[in-house]
Amino acid sequence: MSWLTGNKRDRDLERELRADLELEEEEHRENGASAEEARYAALRAFGNPTVIREQTRAVWSWNRIEAWERDLRYCLRGLRRAPGFTVIAIVVMALGIGANVALFAVIRSVLLNPLPYHAPERLVTLYSTFNDANGKRSFMPIDAGSFFAWKSAAARSAEMAMISPFQGYSVSAESGQLPEAANAAWVTANFFSTLGMQPVLGRSFTQADDSPDANATAILSYSFWKRRYAADPGVLGRRIWLDARPYTIIGVLPESMVFFGPFAPSSIQVWTPVGHEAPRWLMTTFQDHEFIGVARLAPGVTRARLLSALTLVQAHIKAEHPDPAVREVVSGRSILDDVVEEYKTPIYVLFGATACVLFIACLNVASLLVARTAARRREIAIRTALGGGRMRLIRERVLESLVLAVCGGGLGVLLALGAVRWLAIARPDIPRVDSIHLDWVVAVFALAAVVLCAVFSGLVSALSVDSRRLLATLQETSRAQSGGRIRAGLRRTLLVLEVCLTVVLLIGAGLLLKSYSRLRSSDLGVPVANTLTMRFGVPEARYKTPVDQVSFLERVITRVRALPGVESAGLVSSAPGQGWGGDRLVGVVEHPPLPPGETIDMMVRGADPGYFAAVHLPILKGRTFASDERLKRDHVVLISKEAARTIFPGEDPIGKHIRINMGGDRYEIVGVVGDTRYSVSEPPRAMMYMPVFGNGYTNVTLVARSARDANALALPIEKAIGELDPDLPVSDVQTLEETVARSSLGSQFNSVLILGFAVIALVLAAVGHYGVLAYLVTQRTGEIGIRIALGAQRGSVLRRVLLDGLRPALVGLAAGLAVSAFLARMLQSILYQTEPLDLSVFATVASVLLLVALAACLAPAWRAARLDPMSALRTE
């Protein structure tokens, strides 16, 4: 680098100057001058060598770099002399930059990075919906009958595949491996080729595999193959027993193959062909919606064009099948939007919060730099008077800020690394959370944040130096504080902005906390304490008849009820709070037919007679199932209170009959029970319970209550089931309390994180408040001393200083409330039973902020009121 060779250039310059001077002397000596006269004449003709040296160095390009290097050393010395200020500024910067870098890494990895499929921008997920649908109901699973009609009609526009991600298998024990429950998906033969993925081992499904008469085949996920088969490449062709039936393993998917989606668990371990697995009626019906469509657009075809064409096809289907269950509209979105839609708003809200924290950090550091500049105003004024230029003063302030930002940025990146690792543990439900990392793009973002913070804080500090008031600054005394008032005004302005942003963060945190609190206190409809749940399925291949299946379920529940510590136990197809669990479109036999297009949608559960008492779900009217209401006598139901209210208003539903639209089966209503929720965030829906000892139920949830910790029941119950069938795995072992906690995990995470940011902002604002008022009191020490000496009451001084300090807080609070009222509506979609303009949250935040501001101002105001006039005047 050029400035590193500066010594050599200096020597060359000296040599050239000396040579020129000697040449000039030689000419004068040749003209007859003595040696001394020749030297003086040469100097007169040549000019001042020192000036020539300075002028020459000034035109060398590295001179500027030397100046920057000199200024940098000056800044480092200055920061080293003020370690307290330096540490605080670096920590503040690190918190702001680190939080933003971590959130940017999350946004890039989760929301922006393309999915690991070939040309993912051309992939579209297909759903169906009703004409009057909105919100979440715009994207509902599709039926197989409609899908095959779409595929045939749009063959030139897109390659279309289908997946049912709601499946699962019981994997039998073999080769020393225990039985286990595996998430599974049924797919069409072209599913993987549509995504552009091929097995890393073996082959994909063929059309021959995807038929009812084909041999049973399965493809394994990479993680399942690695875990259960120790990554054995000889696994191809081996048999795996799924639900007690043999399947031939034909392939292993690559590690990157993970199918994400709002209805799909990311941990699908076994893939089987839908044509072989699904009942034949399911592959042709238009009324049962068990699938998700995936389409790869042909070149030149847009998503809107495809959806428009498919909706025309669906309109014809609806005209031919006017059943209320058949939907009218085809909806769809890009496959990336399908994966991340649920997480977009919370992540962007968090990113907005971290941006506020970073801005507050910059304001705080800028405020500290302004105070530091004010303390050095005489030194700066003297340097300016001696020739220091304004640009150099600005450069020094920006360099000082840059050093702080670089140190803060380095520490912030380390904090971001820790935050990303913590996030992978705290939120495993976020799609692609394992892929979040800090790459070169994140590094560029971190660098940009550092530069932005340095320039902003440095310029604010530099602009607080008014070189035009040089003489006034040198003449300034504590009684003439016009310049000090200007600097104090700048700090007040920064403080107003800090308070405004802090209020926004506090109100956001308050709304999310209130939402989370209401979500956690949601009533599932049954007591959740000391209640354990676990799922298991009865393999139809081993228990071939309904009698065998019911007999096994009955033996299980009888054995569990006899276990020590089990207070009560029951069987249900889906426990409260643990998911949709199925629904049916129904009609009431005793009611007149509904108008065309109208229908009744009821959630359906299977339950054993003892389930309602086991979970303390009250029977409000009628009775539970009789012991003989099973198998061929299983057409009786209990309905929920909500169903009785909405379907039978003003009537007694007992003795009336519900008809299932698909199939036409009739069920007699024998009782009314309390309401339960399928999700803690959703209101109770109309629900009916039919006997689980019949009606085709083979997958059930066992619910057991205990007087003590229900977790202690898990192992004895698993052992009891294992004794009845050693090859039967259980899954999803959890208490109802854990169910509620998992359902509110996202809300808890968002609210706690934003609360943390808000607390940081509040602390920074309080520190800034204290700093501004302490600075003002110091500047006005003489004035206050004179006022007290002339008779001013100390209480009056206290009130005056307090009001002076609280004024920026009041202005910032008013601005913050106004901004929050506008921005809070953006949180509407992630709030639960909480209004964006919740008055209690706004009032609480205003009260907290004023109390904190009052506490921050109290110490400087008290110190001002206790000033000794004589001591104050002697400091002049």
Foldseek 3Di string as FASTA:
>chain_A
DVVVCVVVVVVVLVVVVVVQLVVQLVVVVVVPDDSVVSNVVSCVVVDDSVVVVVVVLVPDPCVVVVLLVVLLVVLVVVCVVVVVLLVVLLQLLLLLLLLLLLLVLCCCQFQNDAAPFPPLQQKKKKAFAAPPDDDPRRGHFFFLQLVVLLCVQCVVFWHKKKKQQQDKWFWFDDPNRFIAIAREMAIAQCVQVQRRWFFPAFGTHDNQQQAQPHAWAKEFEPVCCCVVVVVDSVQAQDWIQTLNRTHGYGGYTDNSDFQAAPNHQRRHTMYTHCNRPPDPVRNNDRQDGRMMMMIRGDPPHDPVNSQVSSLVSLCVVCVVPVPLSHHRGMDMDRSSCRRCVVPVLLSVVSSVLSNLSNLLSLLLSLLVLLLVCVVCLLVVLVVVVVPDDLVSLLSSLLSSLLVSLVSSLVSSNVSSQVVLVVCCVLCVPRPSSVVRDQDVVSVVVSVVSSNVSSNSSSNSNSVLRDNVCSVVSNVDDLVRCPSVVSSLVSLLVSLLSLLLSLLLLLLLLLQLVVLLVLLLVFDQQFDQAQKKKWKWFNRCVVQVDLVSLLVLVVQLLVVLCPDPQFPHKWKKAADFAAAQSAKFWKDWPPDDDDPRSDTDIAREMAIAQRHCVQRVWDFPDFHGDDPPCAAVNFQAKEKEPQQCCPVPPPDDQQQTWMFGPVPGDIHGYGTYTYFGHNRSQDDTDIYMYIHCSHPPNGMIMMMTGGPDRNVVSVVVSQVSSCVVPVGIHMDDIDGSSVSSCVRSSSSVVSSVSSVVSSVSSLVSSLVSLLVSLLSVCVSNLLVLLVCVVVPDALVVLLVVSLCVSCVSSVSSLVSSLVVQVVCLVSCVVVGGPGDSVHPVSSVVSSVVSSVSSSVSRNVSSNVSSPRNSVVSNVVD
